[in-house]
């Protein structure tokens, strides 16, 4: 992903953890890997709804969300 686009997404994010930008989404959360540009949309119960990530990348994204959800911007 181009650095300019990654910075724009990171600036708009509610939280950035380990290279993953977390944005609130009408279905739950949208998590963007700022390095690859891959995206996963998860429900508020952290279930995968849509994804362009492989299973390992999804697991990392969801783990980062779960372990840091208390820091999500209000």
PDB file of N, CA and C in Angstrom:
ATOM      1  N   UNK A   1       0.855  -1.167   0.000  1.00  0.00           N
ATOM      2  CA  UNK A   1       0.000   0.000   0.000  1.00  0.00           C
ATOM      3  C   UNK A   1       0.905   1.236   0.000  1.00  0.00           C
ATOM      4  N   UNK A   2       0.585   2.207  -0.830  1.00  0.00           N
ATOM      5  CA  UNK A   2       1.383   3.444  -0.836  1.00  0.00           C
ATOM      6  C   UNK A   2       1.355   4.141   0.529  1.00  0.00           C
ATOM      7  N   UNK A   3       2.474   4.714   0.911  1.00  0.00           N
ATOM      8  CA  UNK A   3       2.567   5.351   2.231  1.00  0.00           C
ATOM      9  C   UNK A   3       1.542   6.458   2.421  1.00  0.00           C
ATOM     10  N   UNK A   4       1.288   7.226   1.388  1.00  0.00           N
ATOM     11  CA  UNK A   4       0.322   8.333   1.492  1.00  0.00           C
ATOM     12  C   UNK A   4      -1.072   7.799   1.810  1.00  0.00           C
ATOM     13  N   UNK A   5      -1.475   6.715   1.138  1.00  0.00           N
ATOM     14  CA  UNK A   5      -2.792   6.118   1.385  1.00  0.00           C
ATOM     15  C   UNK A   5      -2.848   5.497   2.778  1.00  0.00           C
ATOM     16  N   UNK A   6      -1.777   4.807   3.189  1.00  0.00           N
ATOM     17  CA  UNK A   6      -1.729   4.207   4.531  1.00  0.00           C
ATOM     18  C   UNK A   6      -1.829   5.287   5.601  1.00  0.00           C
ATOM     19  N   UNK A   7      -1.150   6.418   5.410  1.00  0.00           N
ATOM     20  CA  UNK A   7      -1.206   7.510   6.388  1.00  0.00           C
ATOM     21  C   UNK A   7      -2.613   8.080   6.483  1.00  0.00           C
ATOM     22  N   UNK A   8      -3.277   8.222   5.336  1.00  0.00           N
ATOM     23  CA  UNK A   8      -4.641   8.751   5.332  1.00  0.00           C
ATOM     24  C   UNK A   8      -5.586   7.822   6.103  1.00  0.00           C
ATOM     25  N   UNK A   9      -5.447   6.522   5.888  1.00  0.00           N
ATOM     26  CA  UNK A   9      -6.288   5.550   6.599  1.00  0.00           C
ATOM     27  C   UNK A   9      -5.956   5.566   8.093  1.00  0.00           C
ATOM     28  N   UNK A  10      -4.671   5.588   8.429  1.00  0.00           N
ATOM     29  CA  UNK A  10      -4.259   5.604   9.837  1.00  0.00           C
ATOM     30  C   UNK A  10      -4.768   6.858  10.543  1.00  0.00           C
ATOM     31  N   UNK A  11      -4.721   7.991   9.863  1.00  0.00           N
ATOM     32  CA  UNK A  11      -5.214   9.235  10.461  1.00  0.00           C
ATOM     33  C   UNK A  11      -6.712   9.189  10.725  1.00  0.00           C
ATOM     34  N   UNK A  12      -7.457   8.483   9.877  1.00  0.00           N
ATOM     35  CA  UNK A  12      -8.907   8.382  10.040  1.00  0.00           C
ATOM     36  C   UNK A  12      -9.317   7.284  11.022  1.00  0.00           C
ATOM     37  N   UNK A  13      -8.369   6.422  11.383  1.00  0.00           N
ATOM     38  CA  UNK A  13      -8.680   5.260  12.227  1.00  0.00           C
ATOM     39  C   UNK A  13      -9.027   5.657  13.653  1.00  0.00           C
ATOM     40  N   UNK A  14      -9.831   4.812  14.270  1.00  0.00           N
ATOM     41  CA  UNK A  14     -10.152   4.980  15.687  1.00  0.00           C
ATOM     42  C   UNK A  14      -9.022   4.448  16.560  1.00  0.00           C
ATOM     43  N   UNK A  15      -8.218   3.533  15.989  1.00  0.00           N
ATOM     44  CA  UNK A  15      -7.100   2.940  16.724  1.00  0.00           C
ATOM     45  C   UNK A  15      -6.159   2.300  15.704  1.00  0.00           C
ATOM     46  N   UNK A  16      -4.859   2.377  15.967  1.00  0.00           N
ATOM     47  CA  UNK A  16      -3.867   1.687  15.149  1.00  0.00           C
ATOM     48  C   UNK A  16      -3.021   0.827  16.078  1.00  0.00           C
ATOM     49  N   UNK A  17      -2.918  -0.473  15.753  1.00  0.00           N
ATOM     50  CA  UNK A  17      -2.153  -1.416  16.570  1.00  0.00           C
ATOM     51  C   UNK A  17      -1.342  -2.317  15.646  1.00  0.00           C
ATOM     52  N   UNK A  18      -0.039  -2.359  15.846  1.00  0.00           N
ATOM     53  CA  UNK A  18       0.846  -3.266  15.102  1.00  0.00           C
ATOM     54  C   UNK A  18       0.609  -3.253  13.597  1.00  0.00           C
ATOM     55  N   UNK A  19       0.425  -2.073  13.031  1.00  0.00           N
ATOM     56  CA  UNK A  19       0.254  -1.957  11.595  1.00  0.00           C
ATOM     57  C   UNK A  19      -1.152  -2.212  11.094  1.00  0.00           C
ATOM     58  N   UNK A  20      -2.106  -2.377  12.010  1.00  0.00           N
ATOM     59  CA  UNK A  20      -3.510  -2.568  11.638  1.00  0.00           C
ATOM     60  C   UNK A  20      -4.305  -1.343  12.094  1.00  0.00           C
ATOM     61  N   UNK A  21      -5.038  -0.743  11.169  1.00  0.00           N
ATOM     62  CA  UNK A  21      -5.909   0.383  11.497  1.00  0.00           C
ATOM     63  C   UNK A  21      -7.313  -0.161  11.744  1.00  0.00           C
ATOM     64  N   UNK A  22      -7.895   0.226  12.858  1.00  0.00           N
ATOM     65  CA  UNK A  22      -9.248  -0.219  13.214  1.00  0.00           C
ATOM     66  C   UNK A  22     -10.182   0.976  13.089  1.00  0.00           C
ATOM     67  N   UNK A  23     -11.212   0.787  12.298  1.00  0.00           N
ATOM     68  CA  UNK A  23     -12.214   1.833  12.098  1.00  0.00           C
ATOM     69  C   UNK A  23     -13.587   1.269  12.445  1.00  0.00           C
ATOM     70  N   UNK A  24     -14.382   2.071  13.131  1.00  0.00           N
ATOM     71  CA  UNK A  24     -15.748   1.631  13.414  1.00  0.00           C
ATOM     72  C   UNK A  24     -16.487   1.500  12.078  1.00  0.00           C
ATOM     73  N   UNK A  25     -17.379   0.533  12.004  1.00  0.00           N
ATOM     74  CA  UNK A  25     -18.117   0.235  10.778  1.00  0.00           C
ATOM     75  C   UNK A  25     -19.550  -0.064  11.179  1.00  0.00           C
ATOM     76  N   UNK A  26     -20.489   0.168  10.284  1.00  0.00           N
ATOM     77  CA  UNK A  26     -21.898  -0.057  10.623  1.00  0.00           C
ATOM     78  C   UNK A  26     -22.183  -1.500  11.035  1.00  0.00           C
ATOM     79  N   UNK A  27     -21.345  -2.439  10.589  1.00  0.00           N
ATOM     80  CA  UNK A  27     -21.528  -3.848  10.956  1.00  0.00           C
ATOM     81  C   UNK A  27     -20.668  -4.267  12.146  1.00  0.00           C
ATOM     82  N   UNK A  28     -19.785  -3.405  12.589  1.00  0.00           N
ATOM     83  CA  UNK A  28     -18.871  -3.707  13.701  1.00  0.00           C
ATOM     84  C   UNK A  28     -17.586  -2.929  13.553  1.00  0.00           C
ATOM     85  N   UNK A  29     -16.559  -3.582  12.977  1.00  0.00           N
ATOM     86  CA  UNK A  29     -15.255  -2.943  12.808  1.00  0.00           C
ATOM     87  C   UNK A  29     -14.673  -3.292  11.451  1.00  0.00           C
ATOM     88  N   UNK A  30     -13.970  -2.353  10.874  1.00  0.00           N
ATOM     89  CA  UNK A  30     -13.218  -2.565   9.635  1.00  0.00           C
ATOM     90  C   UNK A  30     -11.752  -2.470  10.026  1.00  0.00           C
ATOM     91  N   UNK A  31     -10.983  -3.501   9.737  1.00  0.00           N
ATOM     92  CA  UNK A  31      -9.569  -3.533  10.105  1.00  0.00           C
ATOM     93  C   UNK A  31      -8.753  -3.595   8.819  1.00  0.00           C
ATOM     94  N   UNK A  32      -7.832  -2.638   8.668  1.00  0.00           N
ATOM     95  CA  UNK A  32      -7.013  -2.534   7.465  1.00  0.00           C
ATOM     96  C   UNK A  32      -5.557  -2.791   7.836  1.00  0.00           C
ATOM     97  N   UNK A  33      -4.917  -3.701   7.123  1.00  0.00           N
ATOM     98  CA  UNK A  33      -3.485  -3.919   7.285  1.00  0.00           C
ATOM     99  C   UNK A  33      -2.807  -2.800   6.509  1.00  0.00           C
ATOM    100  N   UNK A  34      -2.122  -1.911   7.202  1.00  0.00           N
ATOM    101  CA  UNK A  34      -1.521  -0.749   6.573  1.00  0.00           C
ATOM    102  C   UNK A  34      -0.325  -1.102   5.704  1.00  0.00           C
ATOM    103  N   UNK A  35       0.204  -2.300   5.840  1.00  0.00           N
ATOM    104  CA  UNK A  35       1.320  -2.731   5.006  1.00  0.00           C
ATOM    105  C   UNK A  35       0.842  -3.321   3.684  1.00  0.00           C
ATOM    106  N   UNK A  36      -0.177  -4.169   3.742  1.00  0.00           N
ATOM    107  CA  UNK A  36      -0.634  -4.863   2.532  1.00  0.00           C
ATOM    108  C   UNK A  36      -1.862  -4.217   1.898  1.00  0.00           C
ATOM    109  N   UNK A  37      -2.639  -3.496   2.684  1.00  0.00           N
ATOM    110  CA  UNK A  37      -3.882  -2.928   2.188  1.00  0.00           C
ATOM    111  C   UNK A  37      -5.063  -3.874   2.292  1.00  0.00           C
ATOM    112  N   UNK A  38      -4.834  -5.093   2.775  1.00  0.00           N
ATOM    113  CA  UNK A  38      -5.926  -6.056   2.943  1.00  0.00           C
ATOM    114  C   UNK A  38      -6.861  -5.606   4.054  1.00  0.00           C
ATOM    115  N   UNK A  39      -8.124  -5.994   3.914  1.00  0.00           N
ATOM    116  CA  UNK A  39      -9.164  -5.527   4.837  1.00  0.00           C
ATOM    117  C   UNK A  39      -9.990  -6.706   5.333  1.00  0.00           C
ATOM    118  N   UNK A  40     -10.404  -6.626   6.610  1.00  0.00           N
ATOM    119  CA  UNK A  40     -11.383  -7.565   7.152  1.00  0.00           C
ATOM    120  C   UNK A  40     -12.445  -6.744   7.877  1.00  0.00           C
ATOM    121  N   UNK A  41     -13.701  -7.119   7.676  1.00  0.00           N
ATOM    122  CA  UNK A  41     -14.814  -6.512   8.405  1.00  0.00           C
ATOM    123  C   UNK A  41     -15.303  -7.563   9.376  1.00  0.00           C
ATOM    124  N   UNK A  42     -15.360  -7.180  10.663  1.00  0.00           N
ATOM    125  CA  UNK A  42     -15.805  -8.111  11.697  1.00  0.00           C
ATOM    126  C   UNK A  42     -16.991  -7.525  12.436  1.00  0.00           C
ATOM    127  N   UNK A  43     -17.837  -8.397  12.935  1.00  0.00           N
ATOM    128  CA  UNK A  43     -19.001  -7.969  13.713  1.00  0.00           C
ATOM    129  C   UNK A  43     -18.542  -7.492  15.081  1.00  0.00           C
ATOM    130  N   UNK A  44     -19.470  -6.949  15.837  1.00  0.00           N
ATOM    131  CA  UNK A  44     -19.145  -6.507  17.197  1.00  0.00           C
ATOM    132  C   UNK A  44     -18.778  -7.691  18.095  1.00  0.00           C
ATOM    133  N   UNK A  45     -19.098  -8.913  17.649  1.00  0.00           N
ATOM    134  CA  UNK A  45     -18.722 -10.132  18.377  1.00  0.00           C
ATOM    135  C   UNK A  45     -17.439 -10.733  17.810  1.00  0.00           C
ATOM    136  N   UNK A  46     -16.776  -9.971  16.919  1.00  0.00           N
ATOM    137  CA  UNK A  46     -15.489 -10.343  16.317  1.00  0.00           C
ATOM    138  C   UNK A  46     -15.586 -11.535  15.369  1.00  0.00           C
ATOM    139  N   UNK A  47     -16.728 -11.695  14.710  1.00  0.00           N
ATOM    140  CA  UNK A  47     -16.901 -12.724  13.695  1.00  0.00           C
ATOM    141  C   UNK A  47     -16.597 -12.114  12.330  1.00  0.00           C
ATOM    142  N   UNK A  48     -15.877 -12.830  11.483  1.00  0.00           N
ATOM    143  CA  UNK A  48     -15.522 -12.325  10.157  1.00  0.00           C
ATOM    144  C   UNK A  48     -16.766 -12.263   9.276  1.00  0.00           C
ATOM    145  N   UNK A  49     -17.018 -11.076   8.709  1.00  0.00           N
ATOM    146  CA  UNK A  49     -18.156 -10.877   7.810  1.00  0.00           C
ATOM    147  C   UNK A  49     -17.704 -10.780   6.357  1.00  0.00           C
ATOM    148  N   UNK A  50     -16.594 -10.085   6.128  1.00  0.00           N
ATOM    149  CA  UNK A  50     -15.999  -9.934   4.800  1.00  0.00           C
ATOM    150  C   UNK A  50     -14.498  -9.862   4.982  1.00  0.00           C
ATOM    151  N   UNK A  51     -13.748 -10.343   3.974  1.00  0.00           N
ATOM    152  CA  UNK A  51     -12.299 -10.302   4.131  1.00  0.00           C
ATOM    153  C   UNK A  51     -11.568 -10.430   2.799  1.00  0.00           C
ATOM    154  N   UNK A  52     -10.446  -9.713   2.704  1.00  0.00           N
ATOM    155  CA  UNK A  52      -9.503  -9.912   1.609  1.00  0.00           C
ATOM    156  C   UNK A  52      -8.180 -10.423   2.185  1.00  0.00           C
ATOM    157  N   UNK A  53      -8.210 -10.804   3.466  1.00  0.00           N
ATOM    158  CA  UNK A  53      -7.028 -11.304   4.165  1.00  0.00           C
ATOM    159  C   UNK A  53      -7.012 -12.829   4.156  1.00  0.00           C
ATOM    160  N   UNK A  54      -5.804 -13.399   4.304  1.00  0.00           N
ATOM    161  CA  UNK A  54      -5.738 -14.843   4.506  1.00  0.00           C
ATOM    162  C   UNK A  54      -6.036 -15.125   5.980  1.00  0.00           C
ATOM    163  N   UNK A  55      -6.174 -16.377   6.333  1.00  0.00           N
ATOM    164  CA  UNK A  55      -6.593 -16.756   7.691  1.00  0.00           C
ATOM    165  C   UNK A  55      -5.620 -16.284   8.765  1.00  0.00           C
ATOM    166  N   UNK A  56      -4.335 -16.335   8.494  1.00  0.00           N
ATOM    167  CA  UNK A  56      -3.341 -15.914   9.488  1.00  0.00           C
ATOM    168  C   UNK A  56      -3.426 -14.411   9.717  1.00  0.00           C
ATOM    169  N   UNK A  57      -3.530 -13.643   8.632  1.00  0.00           N
ATOM    170  CA  UNK A  57      -3.640 -12.192   8.738  1.00  0.00           C
ATOM    171  C   UNK A  57      -4.929 -11.805   9.469  1.00  0.00           C
ATOM    172  N   UNK A  58      -6.033 -12.498   9.172  1.00  0.00           N
ATOM    173  CA  UNK A  58      -7.301 -12.264   9.880  1.00  0.00           C
ATOM    174  C   UNK A  58      -7.132 -12.497  11.371  1.00  0.00           C
ATOM    175  N   UNK A  59      -6.505 -13.618  11.727  1.00  0.00           N
ATOM    176  CA  UNK A  59      -6.308 -13.954  13.140  1.00  0.00           C
ATOM    177  C   UNK A  59      -5.494 -12.880  13.843  1.00  0.00           C
ATOM    178  N   UNK A  60      -4.455 -12.384  13.186  1.00  0.00           N
ATOM    179  CA  UNK A  60      -3.631 -11.323  13.783  1.00  0.00           C
ATOM    180  C   UNK A  60      -4.450 -10.042  13.972  1.00  0.00           C
ATOM    181  N   UNK A  61      -5.232  -9.682  12.957  1.00  0.00           N
ATOM    182  CA  UNK A  61      -6.048  -8.468  13.029  1.00  0.00           C
ATOM    183  C   UNK A  61      -7.070  -8.557  14.157  1.00  0.00           C
ATOM    184  N   UNK A  62      -7.758  -9.685  14.248  1.00  0.00           N
ATOM    185  CA  UNK A  62      -8.787  -9.858  15.283  1.00  0.00           C
ATOM    186  C   UNK A  62      -8.153  -9.933  16.664  1.00  0.00           C
ATOM    187  N   UNK A  63      -6.994 -10.586  16.774  1.00  0.00           N
ATOM    188  CA  UNK A  63      -6.297 -10.637  18.060  1.00  0.00           C
ATOM    189  C   UNK A  63      -5.917  -9.218  18.515  1.00  0.00           C
ATOM    190  N   UNK A  64      -5.409  -8.408  17.599  1.00  0.00           N
ATOM    191  CA  UNK A  64      -5.050  -7.030  17.951  1.00  0.00           C
ATOM    192  C   UNK A  64      -6.274  -6.244  18.407  1.00  0.00           C
ATOM    193  N   UNK A  65      -7.401  -6.429  17.734  1.00  0.00           N
ATOM    194  CA  UNK A  65      -8.633  -5.762  18.146  1.00  0.00           C
ATOM    195  C   UNK A  65      -9.057  -6.229  19.529  1.00  0.00           C
ATOM    196  N   UNK A  66      -9.115  -7.530  19.731  1.00  0.00           N
ATOM    197  CA  UNK A  66      -9.579  -8.100  20.993  1.00  0.00           C
ATOM    198  C   UNK A  66      -8.702  -7.682  22.172  1.00  0.00           C
ATOM    199  N   UNK A  67      -7.388  -7.728  21.982  1.00  0.00           N
ATOM    200  CA  UNK A  67      -6.466  -7.413  23.078  1.00  0.00           C
ATOM    201  C   UNK A  67      -6.384  -5.921  23.388  1.00  0.00           C
ATOM    202  N   UNK A  68      -6.843  -5.066  22.474  1.00  0.00           N
ATOM    203  CA  UNK A  68      -6.697  -3.619  22.666  1.00  0.00           C
ATOM    204  C   UNK A  68      -8.010  -2.861  22.575  1.00  0.00           C
ATOM    205  N   UNK A  69      -9.129  -3.562  22.622  1.00  0.00           N
ATOM    206  CA  UNK A  69     -10.419  -2.914  22.412  1.00  0.00           C
ATOM    207  C   UNK A  69     -10.707  -1.829  23.454  1.00  0.00           C
ATOM    208  N   UNK A  70     -10.146  -1.961  24.645  1.00  0.00           N
ATOM    209  CA  UNK A  70     -10.388  -0.937  25.669  1.00  0.00           C
ATOM    210  C   UNK A  70      -9.748   0.402  25.311  1.00  0.00           C
ATOM    211  N   UNK A  71      -8.804   0.388  24.365  1.00  0.00           N
ATOM    212  CA  UNK A  71      -8.137   1.623  23.941  1.00  0.00           C
ATOM    213  C   UNK A  71      -8.805   2.248  22.713  1.00  0.00           C
ATOM    214  N   UNK A  72      -9.839   1.622  22.191  1.00  0.00           N
ATOM    215  CA  UNK A  72     -10.531   2.140  21.023  1.00  0.00           C
ATOM    216  C   UNK A  72     -11.078   3.516  21.341  1.00  0.00           C
ATOM    217  N   UNK A  73     -10.820   4.460  20.473  1.00  0.00           N
ATOM    218  CA  UNK A  73     -11.262   5.843  20.696  1.00  0.00           C
ATOM    219  C   UNK A  73     -12.776   5.890  20.880  1.00  0.00           C
ATOM    220  N   UNK A  74     -13.203   6.725  21.790  1.00  0.00           N
ATOM    221  CA  UNK A  74     -14.646   6.846  22.084  1.00  0.00           C
ATOM    222  C   UNK A  74     -15.392   7.560  21.002  1.00  0.00           C
TER     223      UNK A  74
END
